[in-house]
Protein backbone atom coordinates (compact mmCIF):
# COMPACT_ATOMS: atom_id res chain seq x y z
CA MET A 1 0.00 0.00 0.00
CA MET A 2 2.79 2.37 0.99
CA LYS A 3 4.71 1.57 -2.23
CA HIS A 4 1.63 2.37 -4.32
CA LEU A 5 1.16 5.67 -2.47
CA LYS A 6 4.80 6.66 -3.05
CA LEU A 7 4.52 5.76 -6.75
CA PHE A 8 1.35 7.85 -7.04
CA ILE A 9 3.04 10.84 -5.39
CA PHE A 10 6.08 10.46 -7.67
CA LEU A 11 3.89 10.30 -10.81
CA LEU A 12 1.91 13.32 -9.59
CA PHE A 13 5.20 15.18 -9.07
CA LEU A 14 6.32 14.38 -12.63
CA SER A 15 2.94 15.45 -13.95
CA ASN A 16 3.20 18.78 -12.15
CA LEU A 17 6.69 19.29 -13.54
CA THR A 18 5.43 18.68 -17.06
CA LEU A 19 2.46 21.01 -16.63
CA ALA A 20 4.59 23.63 -14.97
CA SER A 21 7.25 23.56 -17.63
CA LYS A 22 5.19 25.06 -20.42
CA ILE A 23 5.79 28.63 -21.47
CA THR A 24 4.10 30.51 -24.29
CA ILE A 25 5.51 33.72 -25.70
CA TYR A 26 2.95 35.68 -27.66
CA ASN A 27 3.86 38.24 -30.29
CA ASN A 28 1.09 40.79 -30.80
CA THR A 29 3.32 43.30 -32.61
CA PHE A 30 3.56 44.08 -36.30
CA ASN A 31 7.13 42.76 -36.56
CA PRO A 32 8.83 39.46 -35.72
CA ILE A 33 10.57 39.19 -32.35
CA THR A 34 13.50 37.07 -31.23
CA ALA A 35 13.19 35.24 -27.93
CA THR A 36 16.24 34.00 -26.07
CA VAL A 37 15.40 31.30 -23.53
CA ASN A 38 18.15 30.53 -21.04
CA TYR A 39 17.53 27.26 -19.21
CA SER A 40 20.28 25.95 -16.95
CA SER A 41 23.63 27.66 -16.68
CA ASN A 42 24.96 26.68 -20.09
CA LYS A 43 21.95 26.05 -22.34
CA THR A 44 20.34 28.71 -24.50
CA LYS A 45 17.58 28.43 -27.06
CA LYS A 46 16.68 31.16 -29.54
CA ILE A 47 13.55 31.22 -31.60
CA LYS A 48 11.96 33.72 -33.97
CA VAL A 49 8.32 34.43 -33.18
CA ASN A 50 6.35 35.78 -36.12
CA ALA A 51 3.87 38.61 -35.80
CA THR A 52 0.41 37.84 -34.37
CA SER A 53 1.44 34.32 -33.43
CA HIS A 54 2.98 32.42 -30.54
CA GLU A 55 5.56 29.73 -29.90
CA SER A 56 5.68 27.27 -27.02
CA TRP A 57 8.37 25.23 -25.31
CA ASP A 58 7.45 22.19 -23.25
CA ASN A 59 9.68 20.73 -20.56
CA VAL A 60 12.32 23.47 -20.71
CA LEU A 61 11.54 25.21 -17.44
CA TYR A 62 12.98 22.54 -15.21
CA ASN A 63 16.20 24.52 -14.75
CA MET A 64 15.13 27.78 -16.34
CA ARG A 65 16.72 30.91 -14.93
CA SER A 66 15.41 33.72 -17.16
CA VAL A 67 13.67 34.65 -20.36
CA ASN A 68 14.87 37.65 -22.36
CA ILE A 69 12.85 39.10 -25.21
CA LYS A 70 14.88 41.49 -27.33
CA ASN A 71 12.08 43.22 -29.18
CA LYS A 72 8.59 44.41 -28.56
CA SER A 73 6.00 42.09 -27.01
CA LEU A 74 6.02 39.53 -24.23
CA ALA A 75 3.21 37.70 -22.48
CA LEU A 76 3.70 34.66 -20.27
CA LYS A 77 1.13 31.94 -19.82
CA LYS A 78 -0.15 31.56 -16.27
CA GLY A 79 0.17 28.34 -14.31
CA ILE A 80 3.95 28.08 -14.16
CA THR A 81 4.89 27.02 -10.66
CA LYS A 82 8.67 26.76 -10.83
CA LYS A 83 10.41 29.90 -9.60
CA PHE A 84 12.26 31.89 -12.24
CA GLU A 85 12.65 35.51 -13.32
CA VAL A 86 11.55 37.21 -16.52
CA PHE A 87 13.03 40.49 -17.76
CA TYR A 88 12.05 42.75 -20.63
CA ASP A 89 14.39 45.65 -21.49
CA GLY A 90 15.86 45.39 -18.01
CA THR A 91 12.45 45.45 -16.29
CA LYS A 92 11.31 42.49 -14.23
CA ILE A 93 7.91 41.11 -15.24
CA GLY A 94 5.58 39.00 -13.14
CA LEU A 95 3.85 35.86 -14.38
CA GLY A 96 0.80 36.62 -16.45
CA GLN A 97 1.68 40.32 -16.68
CA GLY A 98 3.48 40.57 -19.96
CA ILE A 99 3.92 43.86 -21.79
CA ARG A 100 1.04 45.09 -23.87
CA PRO A 101 2.19 46.46 -27.22
CA ASP A 102 -0.50 49.16 -27.10
CA LYS A 103 1.30 50.75 -24.15
CA GLN A 104 4.68 51.13 -25.79
CA PHE A 105 6.05 52.59 -28.98
CA ILE A 106 6.44 49.85 -31.59
CA THR A 107 9.41 50.56 -33.83
CA PRO A 108 8.06 51.17 -37.36
CA ASP A 109 9.07 49.02 -40.31
CA SER A 110 12.55 50.19 -41.29
CA LYS A 111 11.63 50.03 -44.99
CA LEU A 112 9.34 53.03 -44.49
CA LYS A 113 10.60 56.51 -45.21
CA TYR A 114 10.98 59.09 -42.45
CA ASN A 115 8.01 60.91 -44.02
CA GLU A 116 5.89 57.71 -44.07
CA VAL A 117 5.74 57.13 -40.31
CA CYS A 118 4.18 58.82 -37.29
CA PHE A 119 6.03 59.79 -34.11
CA LEU A 120 4.89 60.95 -30.67
CA GLY A 121 6.05 64.48 -29.85
CA ALA A 122 6.46 66.00 -26.37
CA HIS A 123 5.49 69.67 -26.41
CA ASN A 124 7.87 71.73 -24.26
CA ALA A 125 9.61 68.53 -23.22
CA HIS A 126 11.91 70.45 -20.85
CA ALA A 127 8.97 72.09 -19.00
CA ALA A 128 8.30 69.08 -16.79
CA HIS A 129 7.29 68.63 -13.16
CA ALA A 130 10.30 66.34 -12.73
CA TYR A 131 12.62 69.30 -13.40
CA GLY A 132 10.86 71.55 -10.89
CA TYR A 133 8.34 73.32 -13.11
CA VAL A 134 5.16 74.30 -11.28
CA TYR A 135 3.29 75.19 -14.47
CA ALA A 136 4.40 72.29 -16.65
CA GLN A 137 3.55 70.63 -19.94
CA GLN A 138 5.09 67.24 -19.10
CA ASP A 139 5.47 64.99 -16.06
CA LYS A 140 8.77 63.19 -16.53
CA LYS A 141 12.37 64.04 -17.37
CA ILE A 142 13.35 63.88 -21.02
CA GLU A 143 15.20 60.57 -20.71
CA ASP A 144 12.03 59.08 -19.20
CA GLN A 145 9.91 60.61 -21.97
CA LEU A 146 12.14 58.85 -24.49
CA ASP A 147 11.85 55.58 -22.61
CA PHE A 148 8.07 55.99 -22.61
CA GLY A 149 7.98 56.35 -26.40
CA ALA A 150 8.42 60.03 -27.29
CA ARG A 151 10.53 60.37 -30.44
CA VAL A 152 10.07 64.10 -31.05
CA LEU A 153 11.11 66.71 -28.47
CA LEU A 154 9.98 70.34 -28.66
CA LEU A 155 12.51 72.62 -26.96
CA ASP A 156 12.66 76.41 -26.47
CA THR A 157 16.25 77.67 -26.79
CA PHE A 158 17.66 80.99 -25.48
CA SER A 159 21.14 82.52 -25.60
CA VAL A 160 22.90 83.53 -22.34
CA ARG A 161 26.34 84.48 -21.14
CA LYS A 162 27.94 81.76 -19.03
CA GLU A 163 28.39 84.26 -16.21
CA ASN A 164 24.61 84.74 -15.96
CA LEU A 165 22.51 81.74 -16.99
CA THR A 166 19.16 83.35 -16.16
CA LYS A 167 19.35 86.43 -18.42
CA GLU A 168 19.03 86.38 -22.19
CA ALA A 169 22.07 87.81 -23.96
CA LEU A 170 23.01 87.63 -27.64
CA PRO A 171 26.62 87.41 -28.80
CA THR A 172 28.01 89.85 -31.32
CA PRO A 173 30.09 88.65 -34.28
CA GLN A 174 33.22 89.93 -32.50
CA GLU A 175 32.66 87.88 -29.32
CA SER A 176 33.83 84.31 -28.75
CA LEU A 177 30.98 81.83 -28.65
CA ASP A 178 32.84 80.04 -25.84
CA LYS A 179 31.55 82.76 -23.49
CA PHE A 180 27.92 81.86 -24.30
CA ASP A 181 25.58 79.00 -23.63
CA VAL A 182 22.09 77.92 -24.68
CA MET A 183 19.42 77.38 -22.04
CA LEU A 184 15.94 75.83 -22.16
CA TRP A 185 13.24 78.04 -20.67
CA HIS A 186 9.48 78.20 -20.59
CA GLY A 187 8.22 80.98 -18.38
CA PRO A 188 10.04 82.54 -15.40
CA THR A 189 10.33 79.24 -13.51
CA GLY A 190 12.47 77.79 -16.26
CA LYS A 191 15.12 80.48 -15.98
CA ASN A 192 15.84 79.60 -12.37
CA LEU A 193 16.10 75.86 -13.09
CA LYS A 194 19.11 76.36 -15.39
CA ILE A 195 18.47 73.45 -17.77
CA SER A 196 21.05 73.68 -20.54
CA PHE A 197 20.51 72.57 -24.12
CA GLU A 198 23.84 70.73 -23.99
CA SER A 199 22.79 68.64 -20.98
CA ILE A 200 19.67 67.47 -22.83
CA LEU A 201 21.69 66.70 -25.97
CA VAL A 202 23.90 64.47 -23.82
CA LYS A 203 20.82 62.57 -22.58
CA ILE A 204 19.63 62.14 -26.17
CA LYS A 205 23.10 60.94 -27.20
CA GLN A 206 23.02 58.33 -24.43
CA PHE A 207 19.61 57.11 -25.61
CA LEU A 208 20.78 56.85 -29.23
CA GLY A 209 23.87 54.96 -28.12
CA LYS A 210 21.77 52.47 -26.18
CA HIS A 211 19.04 52.03 -28.84
CA ALA A 212 20.70 51.56 -32.22
CA ASP A 213 17.41 51.28 -34.14
CA GLN A 214 15.72 54.41 -32.81
CA ILE A 215 15.38 57.81 -34.50
CA ILE A 216 14.89 61.06 -32.58
CA THR A 217 13.71 64.44 -33.84
CA ILE A 218 14.14 67.82 -32.15
CA GLN A 219 11.93 70.79 -33.01
CA LEU A 220 13.49 74.04 -31.78
CA GLU A 221 11.53 77.16 -30.97
CA ASN A 222 14.79 78.98 -31.31
CA TYR A 223 15.92 82.42 -30.10
CA VAL A 224 19.62 81.77 -30.60
CA PRO A 225 21.98 82.65 -33.49
CA GLU A 226 22.64 79.57 -35.61
CA PRO A 227 26.44 79.67 -35.03
CA LEU A 228 25.85 79.30 -31.29
CA ILE A 229 23.39 76.43 -31.79
CA ASP A 230 26.02 74.66 -33.89
CA ALA A 231 28.72 75.33 -31.30
CA VAL A 232 26.67 73.78 -28.49
CA ILE A 233 25.82 70.77 -30.67
CA GLU A 234 29.53 70.20 -31.23
CA ARG A 235 30.32 70.63 -27.52
CA SER A 236 27.90 67.80 -26.73
CA SER A 237 29.64 65.41 -29.20
CA ILE A 238 26.28 64.41 -30.67
CA SER A 239 26.98 65.69 -34.18
CA LYS A 240 27.92 62.24 -35.53
CA TYR A 241 24.29 61.15 -35.13
CA ILE A 242 22.75 64.14 -36.92
CA LEU A 243 21.21 64.00 -40.37
CA LYS A 244 22.51 67.30 -41.77
CA PRO A 245 20.91 69.30 -44.59
CA SER A 246 24.07 68.60 -46.59
CA ASP A 247 23.46 64.85 -46.13
CA TRP A 248 19.94 64.82 -47.55
CA ASN A 249 17.72 67.28 -49.39
CA PRO A 250 14.21 65.79 -49.47
CA ASN A 251 13.07 68.10 -52.25
CA LYS A 252 15.79 66.76 -54.53
CA LYS A 253 15.33 63.12 -53.54
CA ASP A 254 11.53 62.77 -53.68
CA GLY A 255 11.16 62.63 -49.94
CA TRP A 256 13.18 61.72 -46.89
CA PRO A 257 15.40 58.63 -46.47
CA THR A 258 14.12 55.31 -45.22
CA LEU A 259 14.53 54.48 -41.55
CA GLU A 260 16.84 51.66 -42.65
CA TRP A 261 19.14 54.13 -44.45
CA MET A 262 19.21 56.41 -41.40
CA ILE A 263 20.00 53.50 -39.10
CA ASN A 264 22.72 52.04 -41.33
CA LYS A 265 24.34 55.45 -41.77
CA ASN A 266 23.85 56.20 -38.06
CA LYS A 267 22.10 59.46 -38.99
CA ARG A 268 19.39 59.06 -36.40
CA LEU A 269 18.86 62.59 -35.08
CA VAL A 270 16.96 65.20 -37.11
CA ILE A 271 16.84 68.82 -35.87
CA PHE A 272 14.40 71.46 -37.12
CA ASN A 273 14.81 75.17 -36.40
CA SER A 274 11.60 77.21 -36.44
CA THR A 275 13.27 80.65 -36.69
CA MET A 276 16.17 79.91 -38.99
CA GLY A 277 17.81 83.10 -40.28
CA GLY A 278 14.79 85.20 -39.39
CA TYR A 279 14.85 86.02 -35.67
CA LYS A 280 14.71 89.82 -35.67
CA LYS A 281 16.86 90.35 -32.56
CA TYR A 282 19.95 89.01 -34.31
CA TYR A 283 18.99 89.15 -37.97
CA LYS A 284 20.57 92.58 -38.51
CA THR A 285 23.72 91.54 -36.65
CA PHE A 286 24.33 88.10 -38.13
CA GLY A 287 22.56 88.39 -41.46
CA ARG A 288 21.01 85.35 -43.08
CA THR A 289 22.92 82.61 -41.34
CA SER A 290 22.25 78.91 -41.62
CA SER A 291 23.02 75.96 -39.40
CA LYS A 292 25.19 73.02 -40.42
CA TYR A 293 22.97 70.71 -38.38
CA CYS A 294 19.42 72.11 -38.50
CA TYR A 295 16.77 72.02 -41.18
CA ASN A 296 14.53 75.05 -41.64
CA GLN A 297 11.29 73.76 -40.14
CA TRP A 298 8.94 75.80 -42.33
CA ALA A 299 10.69 74.80 -45.54
CA HIS A 300 9.88 71.15 -44.83
CA THR A 301 6.90 70.98 -42.49
CA SER A 302 3.24 72.01 -42.48
CA GLU A 303 1.43 72.34 -39.17
CA ASN A 304 -2.03 72.98 -37.77
CA GLN A 305 -2.91 75.73 -35.30
CA TYR A 306 -1.42 75.07 -31.86
CA GLY A 307 -3.03 76.02 -28.52
CA GLU A 308 -6.52 74.81 -29.47
CA LEU A 309 -8.47 71.81 -28.21
CA ASP A 310 -11.66 72.71 -30.05
CA ILE A 311 -11.55 70.44 -33.07
CA GLU A 312 -12.71 72.93 -35.69
CA LYS A 313 -10.43 75.71 -34.41
CA ALA A 314 -7.46 73.35 -34.25
CA ALA A 315 -8.15 72.19 -37.82
CA LYS A 316 -6.64 75.35 -39.26
CA MET A 317 -3.26 75.53 -40.91
CA ARG A 318 -0.67 77.49 -38.94
CA GLY A 319 0.45 80.66 -40.68
CA GLN A 320 4.11 79.71 -41.18
CA GLY A 321 5.10 77.71 -44.19
CA SER A 322 6.33 78.37 -47.69
CA ARG A 323 4.82 77.64 -51.07
CA LYS A 324 7.25 74.77 -51.56
CA LYS A 325 6.29 71.15 -51.47
CA HIS A 326 6.37 69.71 -47.95
CA TYR A 327 6.83 66.05 -47.09
CA LEU A 328 6.14 66.37 -43.36
CA PHE A 329 2.92 67.20 -41.52
CA THR A 330 2.94 68.02 -37.80
CA VAL A 331 -0.20 67.99 -35.67
CA ASP A 332 -0.37 69.97 -32.43
CA TYR A 333 -3.12 69.06 -29.99
CA PHE A 334 -2.74 70.91 -26.71
CA GLY A 335 -4.39 73.93 -25.13
CA THR A 336 -2.99 77.40 -24.49
CA VAL A 337 -3.35 76.82 -20.75
CA THR A 338 -2.42 73.28 -19.82
CA SER A 339 -4.21 71.64 -16.91
CA PRO A 340 -3.61 68.07 -15.72
CA VAL A 341 -7.37 67.86 -15.14
CA ASN A 342 -7.86 67.60 -18.92
CA TYR A 343 -5.93 64.36 -19.07
CA PRO A 344 -6.08 61.48 -19.93
CA ALA A 345 -9.18 62.18 -22.06
CA THR A 346 -7.40 64.82 -24.17
CA ASN A 347 -4.71 62.34 -25.22
CA SER A 348 -7.21 59.55 -25.84
CA ASP A 349 -10.83 60.03 -26.90
CA LYS A 350 -10.51 63.69 -27.93
CA LEU A 351 -7.23 63.11 -29.75
CA ARG A 352 -8.69 60.24 -31.76
CA LYS A 353 -11.69 62.37 -32.73
CA PHE A 354 -9.38 65.16 -33.86
CA ILE A 355 -7.11 62.90 -35.94
CA ASP A 356 -10.18 61.26 -37.46
CA TYR A 357 -11.68 64.69 -38.23
CA ILE A 358 -8.64 66.09 -40.04
CA PHE A 359 -8.09 62.82 -41.90
CA LYS A 360 -11.63 63.00 -43.27
CA ASN A 361 -11.91 66.77 -43.72
CA GLY A 362 -8.37 68.12 -43.88
CA LEU A 363 -7.29 71.57 -42.66
CA TYR A 364 -8.32 74.98 -43.89
CA ILE A 365 -6.31 78.13 -44.51
CA LYS A 366 -7.45 81.72 -44.84
CA GLU A 367 -6.02 83.60 -47.80
CA LYS A 368 -7.27 87.02 -49.00
CA ASP A 369 -10.37 86.72 -46.80
CA GLN A 370 -11.27 83.40 -48.37
CA PHE A 371 -11.17 80.01 -46.71
CA LYS A 372 -9.38 77.28 -48.60
CA THR A 373 -10.56 73.94 -47.24
CA GLY A 374 -9.66 70.31 -47.58
CA LEU A 375 -5.87 70.67 -47.29
CA TYR A 376 -4.16 67.38 -46.38
CA LYS A 377 -7.40 65.43 -46.60
CA GLN A 378 -6.91 61.64 -46.25
CA ARG A 379 -3.40 62.30 -44.95
CA TYR A 380 -1.92 61.10 -41.65
CA PRO A 381 0.43 63.26 -39.55
CA ASN A 382 4.13 62.48 -39.20
CA VAL A 383 4.26 63.97 -35.71
CA ILE A 384 1.59 64.32 -33.04
CA ASN A 385 2.70 66.85 -30.41
CA LEU A 386 1.00 66.58 -27.01
CA ASP A 387 1.20 67.83 -23.44
CA TYR A 388 1.50 65.23 -20.67
CA ILE A 389 2.34 62.44 -23.08
CA THR A 390 2.31 59.81 -20.33
CA ARG A 391 -1.31 60.56 -19.46
CA GLY A 392 -3.68 58.65 -21.67
CA LYS A 393 -6.10 55.76 -21.39
CA ASN A 394 -6.55 52.44 -23.15
CA GLY A 395 -2.95 52.59 -24.34
CA ASP A 396 -3.31 55.94 -26.11
CA PRO A 397 -1.57 57.95 -27.45
CA LEU A 398 1.02 55.28 -28.31
CA LYS A 399 -1.66 52.85 -29.41
CA LEU A 400 -2.97 55.39 -31.94
CA ILE A 401 0.53 56.05 -33.30
CA ASN A 402 1.23 52.32 -33.58
CA GLU A 403 -2.01 51.92 -35.54
CA ILE A 404 -1.04 54.68 -37.97
CA ASN A 405 2.38 53.11 -38.54
CA HIS A 406 0.79 49.70 -39.08
CA THR A 407 -1.57 51.26 -41.64
CA SER A 408 1.42 52.79 -43.41
CA LYS A 409 3.22 49.46 -43.54
CA ILE A 410 0.33 47.61 -45.20
CA THR A 411 -0.79 50.43 -47.55
CA LYS A 412 0.38 50.33 -51.15
CA ASN A 413 1.61 53.60 -52.65
CA ARG A 414 1.54 55.20 -49.20
CA ALA A 415 3.94 57.94 -50.37
CA SER A 416 1.26 59.19 -52.75
CA THR A 417 -1.81 58.44 -50.62
CA ILE A 418 -1.88 58.48 -46.81
CA PHE A 419 1.52 60.20 -46.60
CA LYS A 420 1.33 62.17 -49.82
CA PRO A 421 3.42 65.35 -50.28
CA LEU A 422 1.84 68.62 -49.19
CA ASN A 423 1.41 71.73 -51.25
CA PRO A 424 0.13 74.29 -48.73
CA ARG A 425 -0.09 77.37 -50.96
CA LYS A 426 -0.22 76.50 -54.63
């Protein structure tokens, strides 16, 4: 009797081991992922998991120590009893938790052009509670915004003397630029916080060094002479990552390069200057200067009216912009006065309604007292700039951006349809 009981217990133990040793890794992304399963101290198994599918391993968890997924989606099947640890991008994950792809930025297909994808933009990325701003547009520090999924950073740049970092001062052509610095301000609080442009460039450089397949864009609301902007860029040692105007002219190449080209060439930082050669305070002193590293924003980008949450008012083209063909379309959706009370609905339900509205109806522009409507109809934005990017619901705003990029991937002739070139003032 005792022997039979021991045999039953032993068989039950083996059965539990078998049941407990099953792991399923689901891939709900748009791209394949590679899973590395380490079981025991010297055994490793790699497997490619195709999109919208799953792969299973039976009887490999007996000595499993960890599971590492080196791409975008991980979900573990419940019911595993043996103790082991699971990590995703350095973050420990509990059983059954997984990482939902609608709550993270999914890297777009690298075959797409820079002007055929959509990126999340952080409006006034430096004006964050984490830096000490009372009246803020963001919650987290810039490195955390990048980790969250922001790929476009809007920064306000001001020129100062190094001896006084809280007072705007413009260099003259006779003065050494080494005596000057560039600070990021937004309102009086920002001046006291002394956040330098160079310090943020260093954070961006660290992110680019860690994530070799990611592309970052900076949009400068700039009040600094271009030679000083270039000098600070070179001080930060980030210039090797920058796609310079001399590297690529989209108007001569029928659009921007593919993400794959940018990654292979390591040209993964694009900088736009909104006041290039036209800021009146230094225009007379410096003349029509140009930056080695910055594109003129309004020569390449069209944009809707910022500071409006009312859909019809926001669906107006912003006044800047030339008559030239544009390949990039930026959407701003944030109010003039930002209040955390408005979120997460602003970045979820209201945002989706706005994007749907302008896709169906386009923007309008007023010229000679006449309204020209339907601009950019059936066209998705390349950038969606928001306040409080981390405040959304149901996975938005990243879920919305992932959906747009998925649509771009599966759409034929996307460069002439959903991401067609823009002619704002024919």
